[in-house]
Amino acid sequence: MMPQSLANAPKHSSRNAAVGRAPRSAPPLLKADDNTLRLINMGQQTLYFFHRPVRIAGHLTMPAYMDEWKAGEGPNNFSANPPNATLSVYEAGRNENTLAVIEISHPVIDPKDLV
């Protein structure tokens, strides 16, 4: 079964995105303040999943992910319905990762970072 494109997702689906990852050659880095999260030296693939009304998972190139923010992508585009993401941070010496659920809005690629 081929995954459904993000642009054609069911109108009332919950849209979530696991946004990229750093390349294996570099440790993942991030910078954050109260309003902005910068993922430094991002890989060029973005993972996505839906959990309602059906479970769908797949991946997109970063340019294809950025296209999902355009109004021309349909009535359920990310600009109209921003996705959630979970930021999972591993810290040496801790038994569990630190998790934060965030809403993604107004992403920018600058030049290899996702802001």
PDB file of N, CA and C in Angstrom:
ATOM      1  N   MET A   1       0.845  -1.186   0.000  1.00  0.00           N
ATOM      2  CA  MET A   1       0.000   0.000   0.000  1.00  0.00           C
ATOM      3  C   MET A   1       0.882   1.238   0.000  1.00  0.00           C
ATOM      4  N   MET A   2       0.658   2.145  -0.929  1.00  0.00           N
ATOM      5  CA  MET A   2       1.450   3.364  -0.997  1.00  0.00           C
ATOM      6  C   MET A   2       0.916   4.375   0.006  1.00  0.00           C
ATOM      7  N   PRO A   3       1.816   5.140   0.674  1.00  0.00           N
ATOM      8  CA  PRO A   3       1.339   6.134   1.617  1.00  0.00           C
ATOM      9  C   PRO A   3       0.599   7.257   0.916  1.00  0.00           C
ATOM     10  N   GLN A   4      -0.378   7.771   1.587  1.00  0.00           N
ATOM     11  CA  GLN A   4      -1.153   8.902   1.107  1.00  0.00           C
ATOM     12  C   GLN A   4      -0.288  10.148   1.212  1.00  0.00           C
ATOM     13  N   SER A   5      -0.330  11.043   0.233  1.00  0.00           N
ATOM     14  CA  SER A   5       0.477  12.258   0.336  1.00  0.00           C
ATOM     15  C   SER A   5      -0.092  13.149   1.427  1.00  0.00           C
ATOM     16  N   LEU A   6       0.760  13.983   1.967  1.00  0.00           N
ATOM     17  CA  LEU A   6       0.303  14.893   3.021  1.00  0.00           C
ATOM     18  C   LEU A   6      -0.765  15.844   2.512  1.00  0.00           C
ATOM     19  N   ALA A   7      -0.646  16.273   1.266  1.00  0.00           N
ATOM     20  CA  ALA A   7      -1.626  17.215   0.720  1.00  0.00           C
ATOM     21  C   ALA A   7      -3.007  16.604   0.622  1.00  0.00           C
ATOM     22  N   ASN A   8      -3.092  15.276   0.513  1.00  0.00           N
ATOM     23  CA  ASN A   8      -4.384  14.621   0.371  1.00  0.00           C
ATOM     24  C   ASN A   8      -4.850  13.954   1.655  1.00  0.00           C
ATOM     25  N   ALA A   9      -4.306  14.359   2.779  1.00  0.00           N
ATOM     26  CA  ALA A   9      -4.687  13.758   4.052  1.00  0.00           C
ATOM     27  C   ALA A   9      -6.160  14.006   4.327  1.00  0.00           C
ATOM     28  N   PRO A  10      -6.827  13.082   5.003  1.00  0.00           N
ATOM     29  CA  PRO A  10      -8.233  13.289   5.342  1.00  0.00           C
ATOM     30  C   PRO A  10      -8.420  14.611   6.085  1.00  0.00           C
ATOM     31  N   LYS A  11      -9.508  15.286   5.778  1.00  0.00           N
ATOM     32  CA  LYS A  11      -9.732  16.632   6.296  1.00  0.00           C
ATOM     33  C   LYS A  11      -9.643  16.726   7.815  1.00  0.00           C
ATOM     34  N   HIS A  12     -10.108  15.740   8.548  1.00  0.00           N
ATOM     35  CA  HIS A  12     -10.112  15.820   9.999  1.00  0.00           C
ATOM     36  C   HIS A  12      -9.017  14.983  10.639  1.00  0.00           C
ATOM     37  N   SER A  13      -7.958  14.707   9.876  1.00  0.00           N
ATOM     38  CA  SER A  13      -6.877  13.904  10.438  1.00  0.00           C
ATOM     39  C   SER A  13      -6.042  14.752  11.380  1.00  0.00           C
ATOM     40  N   SER A  14      -5.404  14.117  12.333  1.00  0.00           N
ATOM     41  CA  SER A  14      -4.423  14.781  13.168  1.00  0.00           C
ATOM     42  C   SER A  14      -3.101  14.678  12.438  1.00  0.00           C
ATOM     43  N   ARG A  15      -2.486  15.799  12.150  1.00  0.00           N
ATOM     44  CA  ARG A  15      -1.265  15.799  11.377  1.00  0.00           C
ATOM     45  C   ARG A  15      -0.098  16.022  12.319  1.00  0.00           C
ATOM     46  N   ASN A  16       0.827  15.132  12.302  1.00  0.00           N
ATOM     47  CA  ASN A  16       2.019  15.215  13.127  1.00  0.00           C
ATOM     48  C   ASN A  16       3.216  15.043  12.224  1.00  0.00           C
ATOM     49  N   ALA A  17       4.327  15.613  12.608  1.00  0.00           N
ATOM     50  CA  ALA A  17       5.536  15.456  11.818  1.00  0.00           C
ATOM     51  C   ALA A  17       6.721  15.280  12.736  1.00  0.00           C
ATOM     52  N   ALA A  18       7.522  14.295  12.432  1.00  0.00           N
ATOM     53  CA  ALA A  18       8.810  14.147  13.100  1.00  0.00           C
ATOM     54  C   ALA A  18       9.797  14.773  12.133  1.00  0.00           C
ATOM     55  N   VAL A  19      10.303  15.919  12.449  1.00  0.00           N
ATOM     56  CA  VAL A  19      10.999  16.733  11.474  1.00  0.00           C
ATOM     57  C   VAL A  19      12.484  16.422  11.443  1.00  0.00           C
ATOM     58  N   GLY A  20      12.893  15.664  10.446  1.00  0.00           N
ATOM     59  CA  GLY A  20      14.280  15.447  10.121  1.00  0.00           C
ATOM     60  C   GLY A  20      15.151  14.908  11.233  1.00  0.00           C
ATOM     61  N   ARG A  21      16.410  14.861  10.948  1.00  0.00           N
ATOM     62  CA  ARG A  21      17.411  14.478  11.918  1.00  0.00           C
ATOM     63  C   ARG A  21      18.752  14.910  11.381  1.00  0.00           C
ATOM     64  N   ALA A  22      19.719  15.051  12.263  1.00  0.00           N
ATOM     65  CA  ALA A  22      21.053  15.442  11.835  1.00  0.00           C
ATOM     66  C   ALA A  22      21.704  14.286  11.099  1.00  0.00           C
ATOM     67  N   PRO A  23      22.592  14.573  10.142  1.00  0.00           N
ATOM     68  CA  PRO A  23      23.292  13.487   9.462  1.00  0.00           C
ATOM     69  C   PRO A  23      24.148  12.692  10.434  1.00  0.00           C
ATOM     70  N   ARG A  24      24.414  11.428  10.108  1.00  0.00           N
ATOM     71  CA  ARG A  24      25.190  10.572  10.994  1.00  0.00           C
ATOM     72  C   ARG A  24      26.590  11.099  11.246  1.00  0.00           C
ATOM     73  N   SER A  25      27.144  11.878  10.336  1.00  0.00           N
ATOM     74  CA  SER A  25      28.505  12.363  10.486  1.00  0.00           C
ATOM     75  C   SER A  25      28.633  13.497  11.496  1.00  0.00           C
ATOM     76  N   ALA A  26      27.527  14.068  11.929  1.00  0.00           N
ATOM     77  CA  ALA A  26      27.578  15.194  12.864  1.00  0.00           C
ATOM     78  C   ALA A  26      26.638  14.936  14.029  1.00  0.00           C
ATOM     79  N   PRO A  27      27.029  15.342  15.234  1.00  0.00           N
ATOM     80  CA  PRO A  27      26.099  15.185  16.353  1.00  0.00           C
ATOM     81  C   PRO A  27      24.924  16.139  16.198  1.00  0.00           C
ATOM     82  N   PRO A  28      23.716  15.718  16.584  1.00  0.00           N
ATOM     83  CA  PRO A  28      22.574  16.626  16.478  1.00  0.00           C
ATOM     84  C   PRO A  28      22.722  17.781  17.456  1.00  0.00           C
ATOM     85  N   LEU A  29      22.483  18.969  16.969  1.00  0.00           N
ATOM     86  CA  LEU A  29      22.586  20.165  17.789  1.00  0.00           C
ATOM     87  C   LEU A  29      21.299  20.956  17.670  1.00  0.00           C
ATOM     88  N   LEU A  30      20.992  21.710  18.717  1.00  0.00           N
ATOM     89  CA  LEU A  30      19.856  22.613  18.645  1.00  0.00           C
ATOM     90  C   LEU A  30      20.122  23.822  19.516  1.00  0.00           C
ATOM     91  N   LYS A  31      19.458  24.906  19.153  1.00  0.00           N
ATOM     92  CA  LYS A  31      19.460  26.132  19.945  1.00  0.00           C
ATOM     93  C   LYS A  31      18.003  26.514  20.130  1.00  0.00           C
ATOM     94  N   ALA A  32      17.674  27.056  21.285  1.00  0.00           N
ATOM     95  CA  ALA A  32      16.281  27.430  21.528  1.00  0.00           C
ATOM     96  C   ALA A  32      16.205  28.652  22.419  1.00  0.00           C
ATOM     97  N   ASP A  33      15.139  29.416  22.233  1.00  0.00           N
ATOM     98  CA  ASP A  33      14.767  30.472  23.167  1.00  0.00           C
ATOM     99  C   ASP A  33      13.266  30.326  23.404  1.00  0.00           C
ATOM    100  N   ASP A  34      12.620  31.333  23.944  1.00  0.00           N
ATOM    101  CA  ASP A  34      11.195  31.217  24.271  1.00  0.00           C
ATOM    102  C   ASP A  34      10.291  31.039  23.054  1.00  0.00           C
ATOM    103  N   ASN A  35      10.748  31.472  21.853  1.00  0.00           N
ATOM    104  CA  ASN A  35       9.886  31.446  20.679  1.00  0.00           C
ATOM    105  C   ASN A  35      10.416  30.640  19.508  1.00  0.00           C
ATOM    106  N   THR A  36      11.695  30.310  19.514  1.00  0.00           N
ATOM    107  CA  THR A  36      12.310  29.721  18.331  1.00  0.00           C
ATOM    108  C   THR A  36      13.141  28.502  18.685  1.00  0.00           C
ATOM    109  N   LEU A  37      13.056  27.500  17.838  1.00  0.00           N
ATOM    110  CA  LEU A  37      13.869  26.302  17.949  1.00  0.00           C
ATOM    111  C   LEU A  37      14.666  26.185  16.658  1.00  0.00           C
ATOM    112  N   ARG A  38      15.973  26.061  16.763  1.00  0.00           N
ATOM    113  CA  ARG A  38      16.838  25.900  15.593  1.00  0.00           C
ATOM    114  C   ARG A  38      17.474  24.529  15.661  1.00  0.00           C
ATOM    115  N   LEU A  39      17.173  23.681  14.658  1.00  0.00           N
ATOM    116  CA  LEU A  39      17.790  22.370  14.524  1.00  0.00           C
ATOM    117  C   LEU A  39      18.952  22.537  13.550  1.00  0.00           C
ATOM    118  N   ILE A  40      20.157  22.346  14.049  1.00  0.00           N
ATOM    119  CA  ILE A  40      21.368  22.696  13.313  1.00  0.00           C
ATOM    120  C   ILE A  40      21.858  21.525  12.463  1.00  0.00           C
ATOM    121  N   ASN A  41      22.224  21.840  11.217  1.00  0.00           N
ATOM    122  CA  ASN A  41      22.791  20.880  10.275  1.00  0.00           C
ATOM    123  C   ASN A  41      21.849  19.699  10.055  1.00  0.00           C
ATOM    124  N   MET A  42      20.612  20.011   9.695  1.00  0.00           N
ATOM    125  CA  MET A  42      19.575  18.997   9.522  1.00  0.00           C
ATOM    126  C   MET A  42      19.841  18.108   8.324  1.00  0.00           C
ATOM    127  N   GLY A  43      19.394  16.859   8.437  1.00  0.00           N
ATOM    128  CA  GLY A  43      19.395  15.963   7.290  1.00  0.00           C
ATOM    129  C   GLY A  43      18.338  16.414   6.298  1.00  0.00           C
ATOM    130  N   GLN A  44      18.323  15.835   5.142  1.00  0.00           N
ATOM    131  CA  GLN A  44      17.413  16.277   4.086  1.00  0.00           C
ATOM    132  C   GLN A  44      16.154  15.433   3.975  1.00  0.00           C
ATOM    133  N   GLN A  45      15.865  14.593   4.975  1.00  0.00           N
ATOM    134  CA  GLN A  45      14.651  13.794   4.990  1.00  0.00           C
ATOM    135  C   GLN A  45      13.815  14.162   6.208  1.00  0.00           C
ATOM    136  N   THR A  46      12.514  14.150   6.047  1.00  0.00           N
ATOM    137  CA  THR A  46      11.585  14.421   7.135  1.00  0.00           C
ATOM    138  C   THR A  46      10.644  13.228   7.271  1.00  0.00           C
ATOM    139  N   LEU A  47      10.517  12.719   8.469  1.00  0.00           N
ATOM    140  CA  LEU A  47       9.580  11.632   8.742  1.00  0.00           C
ATOM    141  C   LEU A  47       8.225  12.227   9.078  1.00  0.00           C
ATOM    142  N   TYR A  48       7.142  11.538   8.703  1.00  0.00           N
ATOM    143  CA  TYR A  48       5.818  11.999   9.080  1.00  0.00           C
ATOM    144  C   TYR A  48       4.959  10.804   9.471  1.00  0.00           C
ATOM    145  N   PHE A  49       3.912  11.100  10.232  1.00  0.00           N
ATOM    146  CA  PHE A  49       2.930  10.069  10.541  1.00  0.00           C
ATOM    147  C   PHE A  49       1.603  10.720  10.857  1.00  0.00           C
ATOM    148  N   PHE A  50       0.546   9.969  10.600  1.00  0.00           N
ATOM    149  CA  PHE A  50      -0.813  10.335  10.986  1.00  0.00           C
ATOM    150  C   PHE A  50      -1.298   9.249  11.926  1.00  0.00           C
ATOM    151  N   HIS A  51      -2.076   9.612  12.908  1.00  0.00           N
ATOM    152  CA  HIS A  51      -2.636   8.570  13.765  1.00  0.00           C
ATOM    153  C   HIS A  51      -4.147   8.495  13.669  1.00  0.00           C
ATOM    154  N   ARG A  52      -4.795   9.441  12.983  1.00  0.00           N
ATOM    155  CA  ARG A  52      -6.236   9.395  12.784  1.00  0.00           C
ATOM    156  C   ARG A  52      -6.575   9.962  11.431  1.00  0.00           C
ATOM    157  N   PRO A  53      -7.542   9.509  10.746  1.00  0.00           N
ATOM    158  CA  PRO A  53      -8.407   8.375  11.048  1.00  0.00           C
ATOM    159  C   PRO A  53      -7.732   7.034  10.743  1.00  0.00           C
ATOM    160  N   VAL A  54      -6.638   7.045  10.019  1.00  0.00           N
ATOM    161  CA  VAL A  54      -5.870   5.820   9.783  1.00  0.00           C
ATOM    162  C   VAL A  54      -4.407   6.113  10.094  1.00  0.00           C
ATOM    163  N   ARG A  55      -3.653   5.074  10.386  1.00  0.00           N
ATOM    164  CA  ARG A  55      -2.229   5.244  10.656  1.00  0.00           C
ATOM    165  C   ARG A  55      -1.456   5.192   9.341  1.00  0.00           C
ATOM    166  N   ILE A  56      -0.704   6.245   9.081  1.00  0.00           N
ATOM    167  CA  ILE A  56       0.111   6.353   7.876  1.00  0.00           C
ATOM    168  C   ILE A  56       1.465   6.904   8.300  1.00  0.00           C
ATOM    169  N   ALA A  57       2.537   6.381   7.742  1.00  0.00           N
ATOM    170  CA  ALA A  57       3.874   6.893   8.027  1.00  0.00           C
ATOM    171  C   ALA A  57       4.691   6.874   6.748  1.00  0.00           C
ATOM    172  N   GLY A  58       5.659   7.759   6.673  1.00  0.00           N
ATOM    173  CA  GLY A  58       6.524   7.815   5.507  1.00  0.00           C
ATOM    174  C   GLY A  58       7.579   8.879   5.687  1.00  0.00           C
ATOM    175  N   HIS A  59       8.183   9.286   4.594  1.00  0.00           N
ATOM    176  CA  HIS A  59       9.178  10.340   4.653  1.00  0.00           C
ATOM    177  C   HIS A  59       9.078  11.222   3.419  1.00  0.00           C
ATOM    178  N   LEU A  60       9.555  12.445   3.555  1.00  0.00           N
ATOM    179  CA  LEU A  60       9.585  13.436   2.481  1.00  0.00           C
ATOM    180  C   LEU A  60      10.964  14.072   2.461  1.00  0.00           C
ATOM    181  N   THR A  61      11.331  14.631   1.315  1.00  0.00           N
ATOM    182  CA  THR A  61      12.530  15.462   1.295  1.00  0.00           C
ATOM    183  C   THR A  61      12.191  16.761   2.018  1.00  0.00           C
ATOM    184  N   MET A  62      13.186  17.458   2.499  1.00  0.00           N
ATOM    185  CA  MET A  62      12.933  18.722   3.199  1.00  0.00           C
ATOM    186  C   MET A  62      12.224  19.735   2.293  1.00  0.00           C
ATOM    187  N   PRO A  63      12.605  19.887   0.992  1.00  0.00           N
ATOM    188  CA  PRO A  63      11.840  20.810   0.134  1.00  0.00           C
ATOM    189  C   PRO A  63      10.365  20.414  -0.007  1.00  0.00           C
ATOM    190  N   ALA A  64      10.074  19.114  -0.094  1.00  0.00           N
ATOM    191  CA  ALA A  64       8.673  18.674  -0.190  1.00  0.00           C
ATOM    192  C   ALA A  64       7.929  18.988   1.108  1.00  0.00           C
ATOM    193  N   TYR A  65       8.598  18.834   2.256  1.00  0.00           N
ATOM    194  CA  TYR A  65       7.989  19.180   3.538  1.00  0.00           C
ATOM    195  C   TYR A  65       7.672  20.674   3.582  1.00  0.00           C
ATOM    196  N   MET A  66       8.604  21.495   3.128  1.00  0.00           N
ATOM    197  CA  MET A  66       8.377  22.944   3.145  1.00  0.00           C
ATOM    198  C   MET A  66       7.210  23.327   2.238  1.00  0.00           C
ATOM    199  N   ASP A  67       6.997  22.587   1.142  1.00  0.00           N
ATOM    200  CA  ASP A  67       5.857  22.857   0.259  1.00  0.00           C
ATOM    201  C   ASP A  67       4.525  22.656   0.964  1.00  0.00           C
ATOM    202  N   GLU A  68       4.486  21.798   1.979  1.00  0.00           N
ATOM    203  CA  GLU A  68       3.237  21.536   2.711  1.00  0.00           C
ATOM    204  C   GLU A  68       2.711  22.770   3.435  1.00  0.00           C
ATOM    205  N   TRP A  69       3.527  23.818   3.553  1.00  0.00           N
ATOM    206  CA  TRP A  69       3.100  25.048   4.226  1.00  0.00           C
ATOM    207  C   TRP A  69       2.386  26.004   3.286  1.00  0.00           C
ATOM    208  N   LYS A  70       2.350  25.701   2.002  1.00  0.00           N
ATOM    209  CA  LYS A  70       1.732  26.579   1.016  1.00  0.00           C
ATOM    210  C   LYS A  70       0.229  26.349   0.945  1.00  0.00           C
ATOM    211  N   ALA A  71      -0.526  27.436   0.845  1.00  0.00           N
ATOM    212  CA  ALA A  71      -1.977  27.342   0.771  1.00  0.00           C
ATOM    213  C   ALA A  71      -2.423  26.527  -0.440  1.00  0.00           C
ATOM    214  N   GLY A  72      -1.627  26.514  -1.510  1.00  0.00           N
ATOM    215  CA  GLY A  72      -1.968  25.768  -2.713  1.00  0.00           C
ATOM    216  C   GLY A  72      -1.959  24.264  -2.520  1.00  0.00           C
ATOM    217  N   GLU A  73      -1.469  23.806  -1.371  1.00  0.00           N
ATOM    218  CA  GLU A  73      -1.429  22.369  -1.095  1.00  0.00           C
ATOM    219  C   GLU A  73      -2.772  21.838  -0.625  1.00  0.00           C
ATOM    220  N   GLY A  74      -3.783  22.687  -0.601  1.00  0.00           N
ATOM    221  CA  GLY A  74      -5.122  22.238  -0.236  1.00  0.00           C
ATOM    222  C   GLY A  74      -5.595  22.859   1.066  1.00  0.00           C
ATOM    223  N   PRO A  75      -6.850  22.605   1.435  1.00  0.00           N
ATOM    224  CA  PRO A  75      -7.439  23.240   2.613  1.00  0.00           C
ATOM    225  C   PRO A  75      -6.847  22.745   3.934  1.00  0.00           C
ATOM    226  N   ASN A  76      -6.179  21.614   3.934  1.00  0.00           N
ATOM    227  CA  ASN A  76      -5.624  21.074   5.173  1.00  0.00           C
ATOM    228  C   ASN A  76      -4.093  21.219   5.185  1.00  0.00           C
ATOM    229  N   ASN A  77      -3.591  22.337   4.621  1.00  0.00           N
ATOM    230  CA  ASN A  77      -2.152  22.555   4.583  1.00  0.00           C
ATOM    231  C   ASN A  77      -1.637  22.913   5.975  1.00  0.00           C
ATOM    232  N   PHE A  78      -0.336  22.815   6.170  1.00  0.00           N
ATOM    233  CA  PHE A  78       0.240  23.082   7.492  1.00  0.00           C
ATOM    234  C   PHE A  78       0.068  24.534   7.926  1.00  0.00           C
ATOM    235  N   SER A  79      -0.003  25.457   6.984  1.00  0.00           N
ATOM    236  CA  SER A  79      -0.190  26.858   7.348  1.00  0.00           C
ATOM    237  C   SER A  79      -1.541  27.043   8.041  1.00  0.00           C
ATOM    238  N   ALA A  80      -2.565  26.348   7.553  1.00  0.00           N
ATOM    239  CA  ALA A  80      -3.906  26.431   8.136  1.00  0.00           C
ATOM    240  C   ALA A  80      -4.063  25.514   9.345  1.00  0.00           C
ATOM    241  N   ASN A  81      -3.303  24.427   9.383  1.00  0.00           N
ATOM    242  CA  ASN A  81      -3.435  23.422  10.436  1.00  0.00           C
ATOM    243  C   ASN A  81      -2.032  22.955  10.849  1.00  0.00           C
ATOM    244  N   PRO A  82      -1.302  23.762  11.659  1.00  0.00           N
ATOM    245  CA  PRO A  82       0.092  23.441  11.988  1.00  0.00           C
ATOM    246  C   PRO A  82       0.236  22.084  12.672  1.00  0.00           C
ATOM    247  N   PRO A  83       1.295  21.348  12.292  1.00  0.00           N
ATOM    248  CA  PRO A  83       1.508  20.028  12.881  1.00  0.00           C
ATOM    249  C   PRO A  83       2.159  20.118  14.261  1.00  0.00           C
ATOM    250  N   ASN A  84       2.021  19.058  15.011  1.00  0.00           N
ATOM    251  CA  ASN A  84       2.727  18.899  16.274  1.00  0.00           C
ATOM    252  C   ASN A  84       3.958  18.043  16.026  1.00  0.00           C
ATOM    253  N   ALA A  85       4.930  18.159  16.895  1.00  0.00           N
ATOM    254  CA  ALA A  85       6.116  17.304  16.838  1.00  0.00           C
ATOM    255  C   ALA A  85       6.558  17.043  18.269  1.00  0.00           C
ATOM    256  N   THR A  86       7.246  15.945  18.452  1.00  0.00           N
ATOM    257  CA  THR A  86       7.833  15.649  19.752  1.00  0.00           C
ATOM    258  C   THR A  86       9.334  15.784  19.630  1.00  0.00           C
ATOM    259  N   LEU A  87       9.900  16.616  20.463  1.00  0.00           N
ATOM    260  CA  LEU A  87      11.346  16.775  20.535  1.00  0.00           C
ATOM    261  C   LEU A  87      11.828  15.844  21.636  1.00  0.00           C
ATOM    262  N   SER A  88      12.684  14.896  21.275  1.00  0.00           N
ATOM    263  CA  SER A  88      13.210  13.921  22.217  1.00  0.00           C
ATOM    264  C   SER A  88      14.708  14.153  22.366  1.00  0.00           C
ATOM    265  N   VAL A  89      15.150  14.438  23.592  1.00  0.00           N
ATOM    266  CA  VAL A  89      16.553  14.774  23.846  1.00  0.00           C
ATOM    267  C   VAL A  89      17.169  13.735  24.767  1.00  0.00           C
ATOM    268  N   TYR A  90      18.245  13.112  24.299  1.00  0.00           N
ATOM    269  CA  TYR A  90      18.989  12.164  25.119  1.00  0.00           C
ATOM    270  C   TYR A  90      20.037  12.928  25.912  1.00  0.00           C
ATOM    271  N   GLU A  91      20.109  12.663  27.192  1.00  0.00           N
ATOM    272  CA  GLU A  91      21.131  13.252  28.050  1.00  0.00           C
ATOM    273  C   GLU A  91      21.882  12.125  28.742  1.00  0.00           C
ATOM    274  N   ALA A  92      23.209  12.107  28.584  1.00  0.00           N
ATOM    275  CA  ALA A  92      24.039  11.072  29.202  1.00  0.00           C
ATOM    276  C   ALA A  92      23.782  11.030  30.703  1.00  0.00           C
ATOM    277  N   GLY A  93      23.689   9.829  31.236  1.00  0.00           N
ATOM    278  CA  GLY A  93      23.475   9.658  32.669  1.00  0.00           C
ATOM    279  C   GLY A  93      22.019   9.650  33.102  1.00  0.00           C
ATOM    280  N   ARG A  94      21.092   9.917  32.197  1.00  0.00           N
ATOM    281  CA  ARG A  94      19.660   9.886  32.534  1.00  0.00           C
ATOM    282  C   ARG A  94      19.053   8.609  31.989  1.00  0.00           C
ATOM    283  N   ASN A  95      18.124   8.039  32.729  1.00  0.00           N
ATOM    284  CA  ASN A  95      17.485   6.791  32.307  1.00  0.00           C
ATOM    285  C   ASN A  95      16.526   6.973  31.139  1.00  0.00           C
ATOM    286  N   GLU A  96      15.896   8.139  31.034  1.00  0.00           N
ATOM    287  CA  GLU A  96      14.910   8.380  29.982  1.00  0.00           C
ATOM    288  C   GLU A  96      15.210   9.677  29.257  1.00  0.00           C
ATOM    289  N   ASN A  97      14.766   9.746  28.001  1.00  0.00           N
ATOM    290  CA  ASN A  97      14.901  10.983  27.239  1.00  0.00           C
ATOM    291  C   ASN A  97      13.988  12.055  27.806  1.00  0.00           C
ATOM    292  N   THR A  98      14.352  13.306  27.615  1.00  0.00           N
ATOM    293  CA  THR A  98      13.484  14.429  27.948  1.00  0.00           C
ATOM    294  C   THR A  98      12.629  14.703  26.717  1.00  0.00           C
ATOM    295  N   LEU A  99      11.313  14.777  26.894  1.00  0.00           N
ATOM    296  CA  LEU A  99      10.382  14.974  25.783  1.00  0.00           C
ATOM    297  C   LEU A  99       9.666  16.305  25.902  1.00  0.00           C
ATOM    298  N   ALA A 100       9.453  16.943  24.766  1.00  0.00           N
ATOM    299  CA  ALA A 100       8.650  18.166  24.711  1.00  0.00           C
ATOM    300  C   ALA A 100       7.793  18.100  23.453  1.00  0.00           C
ATOM    301  N   VAL A 101       6.490  18.307  23.582  1.00  0.00           N
ATOM    302  CA  VAL A 101       5.597  18.366  22.428  1.00  0.00           C
ATOM    303  C   VAL A 101       5.505  19.825  22.012  1.00  0.00           C
ATOM    304  N   ILE A 102       5.750  20.080  20.739  1.00  0.00           N
ATOM    305  CA  ILE A 102       5.749  21.448  20.229  1.00  0.00           C
ATOM    306  C   ILE A 102       4.828  21.550  19.026  1.00  0.00           C
ATOM    307  N   GLU A 103       4.316  22.740  18.757  1.00  0.00           N
ATOM    308  CA  GLU A 103       3.572  23.008  17.535  1.00  0.00           C
ATOM    309  C   GLU A 103       4.517  23.734  16.594  1.00  0.00           C
ATOM    310  N   ILE A 104       4.639  23.229  15.387  1.00  0.00           N
ATOM    311  CA  ILE A 104       5.545  23.824  14.408  1.00  0.00           C
ATOM    312  C   ILE A 104       4.793  24.911  13.651  1.00  0.00           C
ATOM    313  N   SER A 105       5.401  26.089  13.540  1.00  0.00           N
ATOM    314  CA  SER A 105       4.795  27.159  12.752  1.00  0.00           C
ATOM    315  C   SER A 105       5.881  27.980  12.076  1.00  0.00           C
ATOM    316  N   HIS A 106       5.643  28.378  10.852  1.00  0.00           N
ATOM    317  CA  HIS A 106       6.525  29.260  10.084  1.00  0.00           C
ATOM    318  C   HIS A 106       7.967  28.736   9.977  1.00  0.00           C
ATOM    319  N   PRO A 107       8.173  27.504   9.519  1.00  0.00           N
ATOM    320  CA  PRO A 107       9.537  26.988   9.411  1.00  0.00           C
ATOM    321  C   PRO A 107      10.323  27.678   8.293  1.00  0.00           C
ATOM    322  N   VAL A 108      11.629  27.763   8.499  1.00  0.00           N
ATOM    323  CA  VAL A 108      12.538  28.364   7.518  1.00  0.00           C
ATOM    324  C   VAL A 108      13.779  27.489   7.455  1.00  0.00           C
ATOM    325  N   ILE A 109      14.310  27.271   6.252  1.00  0.00           N
ATOM    326  CA  ILE A 109      15.594  26.590   6.107  1.00  0.00           C
ATOM    327  C   ILE A 109      16.657  27.664   5.967  1.00  0.00           C
ATOM    328  N   ASP A 110      17.698  27.606   6.819  1.00  0.00           N
ATOM    329  CA  ASP A 110      18.700  28.680   6.891  1.00  0.00           C
ATOM    330  C   ASP A 110      20.097  28.133   7.144  1.00  0.00           C
ATOM    331  N   PRO A 111      21.000  27.996   6.266  1.00  0.00           N
ATOM    332  CA  PRO A 111      20.942  27.295   4.996  1.00  0.00           C
ATOM    333  C   PRO A 111      20.822  25.794   5.172  1.00  0.00           C
ATOM    334  N   LYS A 112      21.480  25.187   6.204  1.00  0.00           N
ATOM    335  CA  LYS A 112      21.293  23.760   6.475  1.00  0.00           C
ATOM    336  C   LYS A 112      20.551  23.541   7.786  1.00  0.00           C
ATOM    337  N   ASP A 113      20.159  24.611   8.434  1.00  0.00           N
ATOM    338  CA  ASP A 113      19.424  24.535   9.696  1.00  0.00           C
ATOM    339  C   ASP A 113      17.927  24.656   9.418  1.00  0.00           C
ATOM    340  N   LEU A 114      17.122  24.054  10.275  1.00  0.00           N
ATOM    341  CA  LEU A 114      15.675  24.229  10.226  1.00  0.00           C
ATOM    342  C   LEU A 114      15.301  25.092  11.418  1.00  0.00           C
ATOM    343  N   VAL A 115      14.700  26.257  11.165  1.00  0.00           N
ATOM    344  CA  VAL A 115      14.358  27.216  12.223  1.00  0.00           C
ATOM    345  C   VAL A 115      12.851  27.321  12.331  1.00  0.00           C
TER     346      VAL A 115
END
